[in-house]
């Protein structure tokens, strides 16, 4: 489970109005009054730059193209800068180069944007990802830092950056979001650019290589409930995804947030990484206590850890970690409904979902959460969800079956009530998708059907 609501609220637009107009369950208001729009009216735009033509379309300042998987690397650095790591207080000098994407004009203006990247950062290198954009009133957002990232943690501590806002939009860990009062007036983000800065130790030939940079932009309608989808092509499918419990790690490695409920994201990520036959080497796991069960889960926690957020639940960092394994692509996006997940599962691609719920809202879970990741690994013949739920007592208990309409609503809604009857946010269909760099034709079609190219 991720940290409570301090982290982010999804689509806080109109929250004040909703709070004033809504009646909490304790007051007897039927939730059906908040019936959602059809999921097809919840637009999502995922776009990325991954090809030679894509990299050539941007503005290069000291970067060069590299292969065989198309990417960008440092060519001729444009200068040297000093960076003081806010988490170690160490200052070091770094050569840098920069690449800026073309303007991405959104098919429909967005209230939220999540950036993701797939990169290799050998020791002595790291990257910074930034986002700017133009609002629907024609004014511009500042350049926001979406992450300072390295695959390791010896050169810098990977980190999000708090306190970024222009009074109209803000960054909440990994998410650009239009602020609630402004959103109520109809302001949205109409377009955006991404900027990559690549850093290396001065005087070396080292370089990061970025193979994918992209973003998911969305404007999900406010909804407390979501109409259930009918079981489709995924019914009766179940993928052989390894099963790992986060709970058996409770109290481990306090420097990476103590295991247990804090490790749902890295545990889910590790399950799917290993489904694709990737795994840390014995040398990479040498730092983990040899008495530890499933040491690769602790490894995933360490290398997804966000030093500012002080947790392992940064969506972008989880995808970036997965993509450090050879031949894997990874993104964060939103899906419309479980039929999208079925299409992916049918093609052999598991789906990691984020949801928040009370213990009474998901039969068989036995817990409530303000934010939790699990893996959809299949569907029963009747269409119910088969999930690898890491919030389980041990590995043998991870496989769960959850009722379809309950699970779908909890995952897709953007508003919910907590135990005290207060309005909180929901994920609006957020998911992680990891898949091979060389997908099969069926996998390629399934990804394209959910907007991933």
Protein backbone atom coordinates (compact mmCIF):
# COMPACT_ATOMS: atom_id res chain seq x y z
CA UNK A 1 0.00 0.00 0.00
CA UNK A 2 1.18 3.47 -0.74
CA UNK A 3 1.28 6.26 1.80
CA UNK A 4 -2.02 7.95 2.69
CA UNK A 5 -3.51 10.89 0.89
CA UNK A 6 -0.60 13.29 1.57
CA UNK A 7 0.89 11.77 -1.57
CA UNK A 8 -1.63 12.81 -4.17
CA UNK A 9 -5.33 13.08 -4.82
CA UNK A 10 -6.45 12.20 -8.30
CA UNK A 11 -8.58 14.80 -10.00
CA UNK A 12 -9.05 17.13 -7.08
CA UNK A 13 -10.95 19.37 -9.46
CA UNK A 14 -14.34 20.31 -8.04
CA UNK A 15 -13.53 18.70 -4.70
CA UNK A 16 -14.80 21.67 -2.74
CA UNK A 17 -18.01 21.75 -4.73
CA UNK A 18 -18.43 18.02 -4.35
CA UNK A 19 -17.88 18.19 -0.63
CA UNK A 20 -20.49 20.89 -0.29
CA UNK A 21 -23.05 19.14 -2.47
CA UNK A 22 -22.45 15.54 -1.45
CA UNK A 23 -24.02 13.78 1.47
CA UNK A 24 -21.81 11.28 3.23
CA UNK A 25 -22.90 7.64 3.68
CA UNK A 26 -23.36 8.33 7.38
CA UNK A 27 -26.09 10.79 6.44
CA UNK A 28 -27.84 8.20 4.34
CA UNK A 29 -27.21 9.55 0.84
CA UNK A 30 -27.33 6.81 -1.79
CA UNK A 31 -24.07 6.55 -3.71
CA UNK A 32 -25.96 5.79 -6.88
CA UNK A 33 -26.66 9.51 -7.07
CA UNK A 34 -23.04 9.93 -8.18
CA UNK A 35 -23.34 7.49 -11.09
CA UNK A 36 -20.35 7.81 -13.40
CA UNK A 37 -20.17 8.65 -17.05
CA UNK A 38 -19.44 5.85 -19.49
CA UNK A 39 -15.72 4.98 -19.31
CA UNK A 40 -15.38 5.77 -23.04
CA UNK A 41 -15.97 9.42 -22.10
CA UNK A 42 -12.86 9.39 -19.90
CA UNK A 43 -10.19 10.36 -22.41
CA UNK A 44 -6.57 9.36 -21.95
CA UNK A 45 -3.67 10.28 -24.22
CA UNK A 46 -0.41 8.36 -23.88
CA UNK A 47 2.35 9.54 -26.20
CA UNK A 48 6.03 8.69 -26.31
CA UNK A 49 9.24 9.30 -28.25
CA UNK A 50 11.12 6.06 -28.94
CA UNK A 51 12.15 5.94 -32.61
CA UNK A 52 14.95 7.49 -34.62
CA UNK A 53 12.44 9.85 -36.24
CA UNK A 54 10.99 10.68 -32.84
CA UNK A 55 14.35 11.62 -31.36
CA UNK A 56 15.20 13.66 -34.46
CA UNK A 57 11.94 15.62 -34.05
CA UNK A 58 13.14 17.11 -30.76
CA UNK A 59 15.68 19.81 -30.01
CA UNK A 60 19.11 18.34 -29.18
CA UNK A 61 21.66 20.26 -27.13
CA UNK A 62 24.71 18.04 -26.91
CA UNK A 63 22.88 14.73 -27.31
CA UNK A 64 23.30 12.08 -29.99
CA UNK A 65 21.32 9.14 -31.30
CA UNK A 66 22.39 5.66 -30.24
CA UNK A 67 21.37 2.08 -31.10
CA UNK A 68 20.58 -0.73 -31.63
CA UNK A 69 17.46 0.13 -29.60
CA UNK A 70 16.88 3.74 -30.57
CA UNK A 71 17.73 6.18 -27.83
CA UNK A 72 19.61 9.33 -26.98
CA UNK A 73 22.92 9.68 -25.18
CA UNK A 74 25.45 12.38 -24.36
CA UNK A 75 27.39 13.44 -27.45
CA UNK A 76 29.22 16.68 -26.77
CA UNK A 77 28.32 18.09 -23.34
CA UNK A 78 27.08 21.66 -23.31
CA UNK A 79 28.63 22.56 -19.97
CA UNK A 80 29.31 21.60 -16.36
CA UNK A 81 26.91 22.21 -13.48
CA UNK A 82 27.08 21.64 -9.74
CA UNK A 83 24.32 19.65 -8.04
CA UNK A 84 23.87 19.50 -4.28
CA UNK A 85 21.94 16.37 -3.39
CA UNK A 86 19.25 17.47 -0.90
CA UNK A 87 19.28 14.04 0.76
CA UNK A 88 23.03 13.64 1.27
CA UNK A 89 24.09 17.32 1.19
CA UNK A 90 26.95 16.33 -1.10
CA UNK A 91 27.85 18.65 -3.98
CA UNK A 92 29.37 17.30 -7.18
CA UNK A 93 30.07 18.62 -10.67
CA UNK A 94 28.43 17.03 -13.71
CA UNK A 95 28.73 17.42 -17.47
CA UNK A 96 25.34 17.70 -19.11
CA UNK A 97 23.48 17.50 -22.39
CA UNK A 98 19.80 18.10 -23.07
CA UNK A 99 16.96 17.01 -25.34
CA UNK A 100 13.56 18.73 -25.54
CA UNK A 101 10.54 17.09 -27.13
CA UNK A 102 8.34 18.69 -29.77
CA UNK A 103 5.11 20.23 -28.53
CA UNK A 104 2.46 17.60 -27.91
CA UNK A 105 -0.97 19.12 -28.54
CA UNK A 106 -3.47 17.04 -26.61
CA UNK A 107 -6.56 15.68 -28.40
CA UNK A 108 -8.48 16.77 -25.32
CA UNK A 109 -7.04 19.12 -22.66
CA UNK A 110 -5.94 17.40 -19.46
CA UNK A 111 -6.14 17.86 -15.72
CA UNK A 112 -3.33 15.41 -14.98
CA UNK A 113 -0.08 14.26 -16.58
CA UNK A 114 2.26 11.46 -15.47
CA UNK A 115 5.62 11.19 -17.22
CA UNK A 116 7.50 7.90 -17.65
CA UNK A 117 10.93 7.05 -19.02
CA UNK A 118 12.96 3.95 -19.83
CA UNK A 119 16.68 4.49 -19.44
CA UNK A 120 20.05 2.98 -18.61
CA UNK A 121 22.16 5.01 -16.19
CA UNK A 122 25.52 3.35 -15.51
CA UNK A 123 27.39 4.37 -12.38
CA UNK A 124 28.57 7.95 -12.74
CA UNK A 125 25.45 9.09 -14.65
CA UNK A 126 21.86 10.16 -13.98
CA UNK A 127 18.97 12.00 -15.66
CA UNK A 128 16.41 14.70 -14.91
CA UNK A 129 12.95 14.74 -16.49
CA UNK A 130 10.95 17.98 -16.72
CA UNK A 131 7.58 19.04 -18.10
CA UNK A 132 6.12 22.35 -19.20
CA UNK A 133 2.94 23.16 -21.06
CA UNK A 134 0.39 25.65 -22.25
CA UNK A 135 -2.94 26.11 -20.50
CA UNK A 136 -6.22 26.40 -22.35
CA UNK A 137 -6.21 30.17 -21.70
CA UNK A 138 -2.96 30.49 -23.67
CA UNK A 139 -0.64 31.06 -20.71
CA UNK A 140 2.33 28.83 -19.92
CA UNK A 141 3.19 26.56 -17.04
CA UNK A 142 6.75 26.65 -15.67
CA UNK A 143 9.27 23.88 -16.19
CA UNK A 144 8.44 21.33 -13.50
CA UNK A 145 10.85 18.61 -12.38
CA UNK A 146 9.08 15.24 -12.72
CA UNK A 147 12.02 13.28 -11.36
CA UNK A 148 15.76 13.16 -10.76
CA UNK A 149 16.56 9.55 -11.41
CA UNK A 150 19.31 6.97 -11.51
CA UNK A 151 19.01 3.21 -11.59
CA UNK A 152 21.47 3.02 -8.67
CA UNK A 153 21.75 5.11 -5.52
CA UNK A 154 25.48 5.76 -5.15
CA UNK A 155 25.83 8.92 -7.29
CA UNK A 156 22.60 10.69 -6.36
CA UNK A 157 19.49 9.71 -4.41
CA UNK A 158 16.62 9.37 -6.86
CA UNK A 159 13.99 11.88 -5.89
CA UNK A 160 10.79 13.70 -6.71
CA UNK A 161 10.69 17.43 -5.92
CA UNK A 162 8.10 18.90 -3.57
CA UNK A 163 6.82 22.47 -3.45
CA UNK A 164 6.44 23.03 -7.19
CA UNK A 165 3.43 25.17 -8.12
CA UNK A 166 2.48 28.27 -10.05
CA UNK A 167 -0.85 28.72 -8.25
CA UNK A 168 -2.70 27.01 -11.09
CA UNK A 169 -1.05 23.62 -11.23
CA UNK A 170 1.22 21.64 -8.92
CA UNK A 171 3.39 18.53 -8.82
CA UNK A 172 2.32 15.82 -6.37
CA UNK A 173 5.26 13.37 -6.30
CA UNK A 174 4.91 11.89 -9.80
CA UNK A 175 1.81 13.72 -11.09
CA UNK A 176 1.23 17.12 -12.69
CA UNK A 177 -2.26 18.24 -11.66
CA UNK A 178 -4.37 21.31 -12.31
CA UNK A 179 -5.24 22.81 -8.92
CA UNK A 180 -8.78 22.35 -7.61
CA UNK A 181 -10.04 25.97 -7.51
CA UNK A 182 -8.63 26.66 -10.97
CA UNK A 183 -9.97 23.38 -12.33
CA UNK A 184 -13.47 24.33 -11.26
CA UNK A 185 -13.23 27.29 -13.67
CA UNK A 186 -12.50 24.94 -16.57
CA UNK A 187 -8.76 25.51 -16.94
CA UNK A 188 -6.87 22.55 -18.42
CA UNK A 189 -3.48 21.78 -19.92
CA UNK A 190 -3.76 22.03 -23.72
CA UNK A 191 -0.24 20.90 -24.68
CA UNK A 192 3.08 19.92 -23.15
CA UNK A 193 6.76 19.39 -23.77
CA UNK A 194 9.15 17.07 -21.97
CA UNK A 195 12.81 17.87 -21.38
CA UNK A 196 15.57 15.39 -20.61
CA UNK A 197 18.86 16.45 -19.08
CA UNK A 198 21.58 13.80 -19.12
CA UNK A 199 24.44 14.02 -16.61
CA UNK A 200 27.84 12.31 -16.28
CA UNK A 201 31.06 12.63 -14.33
CA UNK A 202 33.30 15.24 -16.01
CA UNK A 203 36.10 13.97 -18.19
CA UNK A 204 34.60 10.52 -18.77
CA UNK A 205 32.97 8.83 -21.75
CA UNK A 206 30.09 7.58 -19.59
CA UNK A 207 26.55 8.34 -20.68
CA UNK A 208 22.97 7.58 -19.76
CA UNK A 209 20.91 6.16 -22.62
CA UNK A 210 17.20 7.04 -22.70
CA UNK A 211 15.17 4.69 -24.90
CA UNK A 212 11.68 6.00 -24.16
CA UNK A 213 10.27 9.25 -22.84
CA UNK A 214 6.53 9.83 -22.74
CA UNK A 215 3.55 10.93 -20.74
CA UNK A 216 -0.01 9.96 -19.99
CA UNK A 217 -2.36 12.96 -20.01
CA UNK A 218 -5.96 12.59 -18.90
CA UNK A 219 -9.16 14.36 -17.92
CA UNK A 220 -11.20 11.74 -16.09
CA UNK A 221 -14.72 12.80 -15.13
CA UNK A 222 -15.55 13.04 -11.44
CA UNK A 223 -17.17 9.76 -10.42
CA UNK A 224 -17.96 7.89 -7.22
CA UNK A 225 -19.20 4.81 -9.05
CA UNK A 226 -18.55 3.26 -12.44
CA UNK A 227 -20.91 1.06 -14.48
CA UNK A 228 -19.71 -2.53 -14.57
CA UNK A 229 -18.39 -3.87 -17.86
CA UNK A 230 -19.56 -7.19 -19.22
CA UNK A 231 -17.03 -10.07 -19.19
CA UNK A 232 -15.23 -10.24 -22.50
CA UNK A 233 -12.35 -11.96 -24.23
CA UNK A 234 -10.29 -12.46 -21.07
CA UNK A 235 -12.77 -14.74 -19.32
CA UNK A 236 -11.08 -17.99 -18.37
CA UNK A 237 -7.54 -16.65 -18.90
CA UNK A 238 -4.90 -16.81 -16.15
CA UNK A 239 -1.21 -15.98 -16.55
CA UNK A 240 1.55 -17.76 -14.57
CA UNK A 241 2.76 -14.66 -12.72
CA UNK A 242 4.98 -15.38 -9.68
CA UNK A 243 3.36 -14.67 -6.30
CA UNK A 244 5.08 -12.55 -3.67
CA UNK A 245 3.78 -11.20 -0.38
CA UNK A 246 4.78 -7.76 0.83
CA UNK A 247 3.71 -8.62 4.38
CA UNK A 248 6.50 -11.12 5.03
CA UNK A 249 8.91 -8.18 4.71
CA UNK A 250 7.27 -6.10 7.45
CA UNK A 251 9.90 -4.26 9.48
CA UNK A 252 12.70 -4.91 7.02
CA UNK A 253 15.01 -2.17 5.78
CA UNK A 254 13.62 0.94 7.51
CA UNK A 255 15.77 3.05 5.20
CA UNK A 256 13.42 1.91 2.42
CA UNK A 257 10.20 2.39 4.41
CA UNK A 258 10.04 -0.77 6.52
CA UNK A 259 8.56 -3.32 4.15
CA UNK A 260 5.04 -4.59 4.74
CA UNK A 261 2.23 -2.39 3.50
CA UNK A 262 4.69 0.20 2.15
CA UNK A 263 6.03 -2.21 -0.46
CA UNK A 264 3.00 -2.99 -2.63
CA UNK A 265 4.38 -1.19 -5.69
CA UNK A 266 7.82 -2.82 -5.80
CA UNK A 267 6.34 -6.22 -4.89
CA UNK A 268 3.83 -5.98 -7.75
CA UNK A 269 6.54 -4.72 -10.10
CA UNK A 270 8.85 -7.60 -9.18
CA UNK A 271 6.13 -10.18 -9.80
CA UNK A 272 5.62 -8.94 -13.34
CA UNK A 273 9.32 -8.46 -14.07
CA UNK A 274 9.88 -12.11 -13.18
CA UNK A 275 6.89 -13.17 -15.26
CA UNK A 276 8.93 -11.83 -18.19
CA UNK A 277 11.90 -14.00 -17.10
CA UNK A 278 14.00 -11.17 -15.71
CA UNK A 279 15.50 -11.19 -12.22
CA UNK A 280 18.32 -9.56 -10.24
CA UNK A 281 21.58 -11.47 -10.33
CA UNK A 282 23.16 -13.05 -7.25
CA UNK A 283 25.75 -10.25 -7.33
CA UNK A 284 23.01 -7.61 -7.37
CA UNK A 285 21.31 -9.29 -4.39
CA UNK A 286 24.49 -9.59 -2.33
CA UNK A 287 23.52 -6.60 -0.16
CA UNK A 288 20.30 -8.31 1.05
CA UNK A 289 20.33 -10.34 4.28
CA UNK A 290 20.92 -13.93 3.07
CA UNK A 291 18.28 -15.15 5.53
CA UNK A 292 15.64 -13.04 3.78
CA UNK A 293 12.81 -14.75 1.90
CA UNK A 294 12.28 -13.37 -1.63
CA UNK A 295 15.30 -11.04 -1.49
CA UNK A 296 14.42 -9.68 -4.93
CA UNK A 297 11.44 -7.87 -3.35
CA UNK A 298 13.77 -5.97 -1.03
CA UNK A 299 15.95 -5.22 -4.06
CA UNK A 300 12.95 -3.78 -5.92
CA UNK A 301 12.06 -1.64 -2.90
CA UNK A 302 15.56 -0.19 -2.67
CA UNK A 303 15.71 0.64 -6.37
CA UNK A 304 12.23 2.20 -6.60
CA UNK A 305 12.67 4.23 -3.40
CA UNK A 306 11.98 7.97 -3.72
CA UNK A 307 14.00 9.85 -1.10
CA UNK A 308 11.66 12.86 -1.07
CA UNK A 309 8.44 10.86 -0.92
CA UNK A 310 10.19 8.52 1.52
CA UNK A 311 8.53 5.51 -0.01
CA UNK A 312 8.51 3.05 -2.89
CA UNK A 313 5.19 4.09 -4.42
CA UNK A 314 6.36 6.62 -7.02
CA UNK A 315 4.56 5.43 -10.16
CA UNK A 316 7.17 6.73 -12.59
CA UNK A 317 10.07 5.28 -10.59
CA UNK A 318 8.48 1.82 -10.58
CA UNK A 319 8.16 1.84 -14.37
CA UNK A 320 11.73 3.14 -14.72
CA UNK A 321 12.99 0.34 -12.44
CA UNK A 322 11.25 -2.33 -14.52
CA UNK A 323 12.80 -0.95 -17.70
CA UNK A 324 16.32 -1.35 -16.28
CA UNK A 325 15.96 -5.07 -17.01
CA UNK A 326 17.17 -5.95 -20.52
CA UNK A 327 14.52 -6.00 -23.20
CA UNK A 328 11.62 -4.63 -21.13
CA UNK A 329 9.44 -1.60 -21.83
CA UNK A 330 7.42 0.00 -19.04
CA UNK A 331 4.84 2.81 -18.83
CA UNK A 332 2.20 4.26 -16.55
CA UNK A 333 -1.18 4.87 -18.16
CA UNK A 334 -4.92 4.68 -17.52
CA UNK A 335 -7.34 2.12 -18.90
CA UNK A 336 -11.04 2.63 -19.56
CA UNK A 337 -12.43 -0.54 -18.00
CA UNK A 338 -11.72 -4.20 -17.30
CA UNK A 339 -12.35 -5.05 -20.97
CA UNK A 340 -9.07 -3.23 -21.73
CA UNK A 341 -7.34 -5.34 -19.08
CA UNK A 342 -8.89 -8.48 -20.58
CA UNK A 343 -7.51 -7.62 -24.00
CA UNK A 344 -4.03 -7.24 -22.54
CA UNK A 345 -4.26 -10.41 -20.43
CA UNK A 346 -5.43 -12.37 -23.46
CA UNK A 347 -2.26 -11.23 -25.22
CA UNK A 348 -0.16 -12.34 -22.25
CA UNK A 349 0.40 -8.93 -20.63
CA UNK A 350 -0.42 -8.63 -16.88
CA UNK A 351 -1.86 -5.34 -15.59
CA UNK A 352 -0.82 -3.71 -12.29
CA UNK A 353 -3.64 -1.58 -10.89
CA UNK A 354 -3.91 1.05 -8.15
CA UNK A 355 -7.02 1.32 -5.98
CA UNK A 356 -8.25 2.68 -2.64
CA UNK A 357 -11.13 1.20 -0.63
CA UNK A 358 -12.72 0.47 2.72
CA UNK A 359 -12.53 -3.05 4.09
CA UNK A 360 -16.28 -3.37 3.45
CA UNK A 361 -15.99 -2.47 -0.24
CA UNK A 362 -13.99 -5.43 -1.57
CA UNK A 363 -15.24 -8.84 -0.50
CA UNK A 364 -12.45 -11.21 0.44
CA UNK A 365 -9.71 -8.59 0.82
CA UNK A 366 -9.93 -8.34 4.61
CA UNK A 367 -8.37 -4.89 4.74
CA UNK A 368 -8.90 -1.29 3.70
CA UNK A 369 -6.37 1.00 2.07
CA UNK A 370 -5.79 4.59 1.00
CA UNK A 371 -3.73 3.33 -1.95
CA UNK A 372 -2.63 -0.14 -2.98
CA UNK A 373 -1.08 -1.88 -6.01
CA UNK A 374 -1.91 -5.41 -7.09
CA UNK A 375 -1.55 -7.42 -10.29
CA UNK A 376 -4.45 -8.60 -12.46
CA UNK A 377 -3.23 -12.01 -13.64
CA UNK A 378 -6.48 -13.36 -15.09
CA UNK A 379 -10.24 -13.69 -15.08
CA UNK A 380 -12.47 -16.55 -14.01
CA UNK A 381 -14.82 -18.09 -16.61
CA UNK A 382 -17.53 -15.87 -15.09
CA UNK A 383 -15.37 -12.75 -15.57
CA UNK A 384 -14.33 -12.09 -11.98
CA UNK A 385 -10.81 -10.74 -11.39
CA UNK A 386 -7.96 -13.06 -10.46
CA UNK A 387 -5.38 -10.87 -8.72
CA UNK A 388 -1.97 -11.40 -7.23
CA UNK A 389 -2.56 -9.28 -4.14
CA UNK A 390 0.71 -8.67 -2.26
CA UNK A 391 -1.24 -7.62 0.88
CA UNK A 392 -1.36 -11.27 1.88
CA UNK A 393 0.05 -13.13 4.87
CA UNK A 394 2.50 -15.15 2.78
CA UNK A 395 3.28 -16.07 -0.82
CA UNK A 396 0.82 -18.97 -0.83
CA UNK A 397 -2.08 -16.61 -0.04
CA UNK A 398 -1.33 -14.03 -2.76
CA UNK A 399 -3.72 -15.40 -5.40
CA UNK A 400 -7.18 -13.89 -4.81
CA UNK A 401 -10.47 -13.78 -6.72
CA UNK A 402 -12.36 -10.49 -6.47
CA UNK A 403 -15.89 -9.78 -7.65
CA UNK A 404 -15.72 -8.00 -11.00
CA UNK A 405 -18.03 -5.04 -10.45
CA UNK A 406 -16.56 -4.26 -7.02
CA UNK A 407 -12.98 -4.36 -8.25
CA UNK A 408 -13.73 -2.34 -11.38
CA UNK A 409 -15.46 0.44 -9.47
CA UNK A 410 -12.71 0.75 -6.86
CA UNK A 411 -10.05 0.96 -9.55
CA UNK A 412 -11.80 3.36 -11.94
CA UNK A 413 -13.49 5.83 -9.60
CA UNK A 414 -11.92 9.20 -8.87
CA UNK A 415 -13.91 9.97 -5.70
CA UNK A 416 -14.65 7.86 -2.65
CA UNK A 417 -15.67 8.16 0.99
CA UNK A 418 -13.31 7.24 3.77
CA UNK A 419 -14.36 5.61 7.05
CA UNK A 420 -15.25 9.02 8.51
CA UNK A 421 -17.47 9.92 5.54
CA UNK A 422 -14.99 12.40 4.10
CA UNK A 423 -14.45 12.66 0.34
CA UNK A 424 -11.11 11.32 -0.85
CA UNK A 425 -9.52 10.65 -4.23
CA UNK A 426 -9.33 7.47 -6.27
CA UNK A 427 -6.89 6.42 -8.95
CA UNK A 428 -9.16 6.77 -11.99
CA UNK A 429 -7.87 3.60 -13.67
CA UNK A 430 -4.11 4.06 -13.21
CA UNK A 431 -1.99 1.05 -14.11
CA UNK A 432 1.58 -0.04 -14.82
CA UNK A 433 2.22 -1.99 -18.02
CA UNK A 434 5.48 -3.89 -18.61
CA UNK A 435 6.08 -5.81 -21.87
CA UNK A 436 8.92 -7.06 -24.09
CA UNK A 437 10.86 -4.70 -26.34
CA UNK A 438 9.98 -7.10 -29.15
CA UNK A 439 6.30 -7.86 -28.56
CA UNK A 440 4.42 -10.48 -30.52
CA UNK A 441 1.94 -9.26 -33.16
CA UNK A 442 -0.92 -10.02 -30.74
CA UNK A 443 0.76 -8.08 -27.94
CA UNK A 444 1.39 -5.17 -30.29
CA UNK A 445 -2.28 -5.09 -31.27
CA UNK A 446 -3.44 -5.28 -27.65
CA UNK A 447 -1.14 -2.43 -26.61
CA UNK A 448 -2.25 -0.30 -29.56
CA UNK A 449 -5.88 -0.90 -28.58
CA UNK A 450 -5.21 0.78 -25.22
CA UNK A 451 -3.21 3.61 -26.74
CA UNK A 452 0.37 2.33 -26.29
CA UNK A 453 2.54 2.29 -29.41
